[in-house]
């Protein structure tokens, strides 16, 4: 099986290519408020996320979403709910026309978030992209392991980068 787990030229060729793209509906103030209430429960969330008068006097000039806000927690504009579903796993090279390596197990080993400082605001329409951003291999106690980094990037309607979440998966 180790020969089947090596990074192939076809796999190298898809690194950095967008696997899927999702677009949100415009973010509503109530979306931000509900997210903040849920995240900070049972505490009261910071006023920046729900009090328009307070937020207007802040450096942001209005309500902004918490950095971990997910504008895709509800229905998305694209793909629509009646579009065919994408891969049922966390990712699949198949989405880019490449047969993924055979493996016995898939484990999520790390999640890293990098924020730009640009905040999501009411009215923003967010575009999300998923892509494989890298592969590396190593030997482990379970045998040969293939690590794949899947990057999830968020941009607003002005194409300003908001954040990237990198998830590293190990296949063996």
Protein backbone atom coordinates (compact mmCIF):
# COMPACT_ATOMS: atom_id res chain seq x y z
CA UNK A 1 0.00 0.00 0.00
CA UNK A 2 2.78 2.61 0.60
CA UNK A 3 3.38 3.01 -3.15
CA UNK A 4 -0.28 3.98 -3.54
CA UNK A 5 0.08 6.71 -0.89
CA UNK A 6 2.86 8.67 -2.60
CA UNK A 7 2.19 12.16 -3.91
CA UNK A 8 1.75 11.83 -7.66
CA UNK A 9 2.40 14.38 -10.41
CA UNK A 10 -1.39 14.65 -10.85
CA UNK A 11 -1.77 15.50 -7.16
CA UNK A 12 1.02 18.11 -7.33
CA UNK A 13 -0.74 19.70 -10.32
CA UNK A 14 -3.93 20.43 -8.33
CA UNK A 15 -2.20 22.11 -5.36
CA UNK A 16 -3.61 25.63 -5.12
CA UNK A 17 -6.55 25.05 -7.47
CA UNK A 18 -9.98 25.92 -6.09
CA UNK A 19 -11.98 22.76 -5.37
CA UNK A 20 -15.22 24.51 -4.54
CA UNK A 21 -16.54 28.00 -4.02
CA UNK A 22 -19.47 29.09 -1.89
CA UNK A 23 -21.14 32.51 -1.70
CA UNK A 24 -23.19 33.70 1.27
CA UNK A 25 -26.34 35.72 1.35
CA UNK A 26 -25.74 39.24 2.71
CA UNK A 27 -24.91 39.12 6.41
CA UNK A 28 -27.70 40.51 8.60
CA UNK A 29 -27.21 42.27 11.93
CA UNK A 30 -29.40 39.58 13.47
CA UNK A 31 -27.02 36.87 12.15
CA UNK A 32 -24.13 38.52 13.98
CA UNK A 33 -26.15 39.00 17.16
CA UNK A 34 -27.34 35.38 17.22
CA UNK A 35 -23.81 34.07 16.57
CA UNK A 36 -22.40 36.23 19.39
CA UNK A 37 -25.10 35.13 21.82
CA UNK A 38 -24.43 31.47 21.01
CA UNK A 39 -20.63 31.79 21.22
CA UNK A 40 -20.53 33.77 24.45
CA UNK A 41 -23.39 31.98 26.26
CA UNK A 42 -24.01 32.06 29.21
CA UNK A 43 -22.13 35.39 29.35
CA UNK A 44 -23.39 38.52 27.64
CA UNK A 45 -21.44 39.01 24.40
CA UNK A 46 -19.30 42.12 23.89
CA UNK A 47 -21.40 45.16 22.97
CA UNK A 48 -19.51 45.51 19.68
CA UNK A 49 -21.53 42.56 18.35
CA UNK A 50 -25.05 43.70 19.28
CA UNK A 51 -25.30 47.34 20.43
CA UNK A 52 -25.45 49.63 17.36
CA UNK A 53 -24.91 52.87 19.34
CA UNK A 54 -21.89 51.47 21.18
CA UNK A 55 -20.44 49.93 18.00
CA UNK A 56 -20.88 53.20 16.08
CA UNK A 57 -18.47 54.87 18.55
CA UNK A 58 -15.90 52.06 18.27
CA UNK A 59 -12.89 52.06 15.94
CA UNK A 60 -15.00 49.92 13.58
CA UNK A 61 -17.74 52.54 13.23
CA UNK A 62 -20.51 49.94 13.52
CA UNK A 63 -21.37 46.37 14.40
CA UNK A 64 -18.87 43.78 13.20
CA UNK A 65 -18.95 40.01 13.46
CA UNK A 66 -16.73 38.05 15.84
CA UNK A 67 -13.61 36.81 14.04
CA UNK A 68 -14.86 33.21 14.14
CA UNK A 69 -18.26 34.12 12.62
CA UNK A 70 -19.46 31.65 9.99
CA UNK A 71 -21.66 33.26 7.34
CA UNK A 72 -22.30 29.77 5.94
CA UNK A 73 -23.91 28.41 9.12
CA UNK A 74 -27.26 28.95 7.45
CA UNK A 75 -28.37 28.63 3.85
CA UNK A 76 -25.94 29.76 1.14
CA UNK A 77 -26.67 31.67 -2.05
CA UNK A 78 -24.38 29.39 -4.08
CA UNK A 79 -24.41 26.52 -4.23
CA UNK A 80 -28.14 26.44 -3.70
CA UNK A 81 -29.63 23.70 -1.51
CA UNK A 82 -30.87 21.82 -4.58
CA UNK A 83 -27.42 21.67 -6.29
CA UNK A 84 -25.70 18.26 -6.25
CA UNK A 85 -23.71 17.73 -3.04
CA UNK A 86 -19.93 17.82 -3.07
CA UNK A 87 -17.80 15.01 -1.67
CA UNK A 88 -19.11 13.48 1.53
CA UNK A 89 -15.61 13.50 3.07
CA UNK A 90 -13.67 16.51 4.29
CA UNK A 91 -12.12 16.83 0.83
CA UNK A 92 -11.44 14.73 -2.17
CA UNK A 93 -9.00 15.10 -5.00
CA UNK A 94 -11.86 13.73 -7.12
CA UNK A 95 -13.43 17.20 -7.02
CA UNK A 96 -10.53 18.25 -9.26
CA UNK A 97 -10.53 15.12 -11.43
CA UNK A 98 -7.72 13.26 -9.65
CA UNK A 99 -8.13 9.84 -8.08
CA UNK A 100 -7.23 10.13 -4.37
CA UNK A 101 -4.73 7.69 -2.90
CA UNK A 102 -6.13 4.60 -1.21
CA UNK A 103 -5.87 4.68 2.56
CA UNK A 104 -7.13 2.85 5.63
CA UNK A 105 -7.87 5.90 7.76
CA UNK A 106 -8.22 9.68 7.58
CA UNK A 107 -7.44 11.77 10.65
CA UNK A 108 -7.71 15.52 11.21
CA UNK A 109 -4.40 16.38 12.89
CA UNK A 110 -4.32 20.18 13.06
CA UNK A 111 -6.43 23.30 12.49
CA UNK A 112 -4.80 26.75 12.11
CA UNK A 113 -6.65 30.03 11.60
CA UNK A 114 -5.02 33.19 10.25
CA UNK A 115 -6.99 36.44 10.38
CA UNK A 116 -6.32 39.53 8.24
CA UNK A 117 -7.92 42.11 10.54
CA UNK A 118 -10.71 42.77 8.01
CA UNK A 119 -13.99 42.19 9.82
CA UNK A 120 -17.29 40.93 8.44
CA UNK A 121 -20.07 43.50 8.69
CA UNK A 122 -23.80 43.65 8.11
CA UNK A 123 -24.47 43.66 4.37
CA UNK A 124 -21.24 41.87 3.44
CA UNK A 125 -21.47 39.02 0.95
CA UNK A 126 -18.76 36.47 1.67
CA UNK A 127 -17.05 34.20 -0.86
CA UNK A 128 -15.44 31.03 0.42
CA UNK A 129 -12.91 28.90 -1.43
CA UNK A 130 -11.54 25.47 -0.58
CA UNK A 131 -8.29 24.19 -2.05
CA UNK A 132 -5.55 21.72 -1.33
CA UNK A 133 -2.59 23.90 -0.45
CA UNK A 134 0.05 21.23 0.13
CA UNK A 135 1.09 17.65 0.67
CA UNK A 136 3.91 16.07 2.66
CA UNK A 137 4.77 12.50 3.59
CA UNK A 138 6.48 10.75 6.46
CA UNK A 139 6.81 7.40 8.15
CA UNK A 140 4.94 6.89 11.38
CA UNK A 141 4.08 4.12 13.81
CA UNK A 142 1.13 3.19 11.62
CA UNK A 143 3.26 3.07 8.46
CA UNK A 144 3.59 5.53 5.61
CA UNK A 145 1.45 8.63 6.12
CA UNK A 146 0.33 11.26 3.64
CA UNK A 147 -0.49 14.68 5.08
CA UNK A 148 -2.75 17.00 3.13
CA UNK A 149 -3.42 20.64 3.98
CA UNK A 150 -6.87 21.90 2.98
CA UNK A 151 -7.18 25.69 3.00
CA UNK A 152 -10.52 27.43 3.45
CA UNK A 153 -10.30 31.14 2.58
CA UNK A 154 -12.93 33.86 3.10
CA UNK A 155 -13.17 37.10 1.09
CA UNK A 156 -15.76 39.89 1.17
CA UNK A 157 -17.51 41.50 -1.82
CA UNK A 158 -14.57 43.91 -2.19
CA UNK A 159 -12.29 40.85 -2.56
CA UNK A 160 -10.60 41.68 0.76
CA UNK A 161 -9.13 38.59 2.42
CA UNK A 162 -10.74 37.96 5.82
CA UNK A 163 -9.26 34.71 7.07
CA UNK A 164 -7.80 31.36 6.15
CA UNK A 165 -8.39 28.16 8.08
CA UNK A 166 -5.89 25.41 7.29
CA UNK A 167 -6.89 21.87 8.21
CA UNK A 168 -4.18 19.21 8.06
CA UNK A 169 -5.34 15.64 7.44
CA UNK A 170 -3.24 12.48 7.74
CA UNK A 171 -4.05 9.45 5.65
CA UNK A 172 -2.45 6.08 6.29
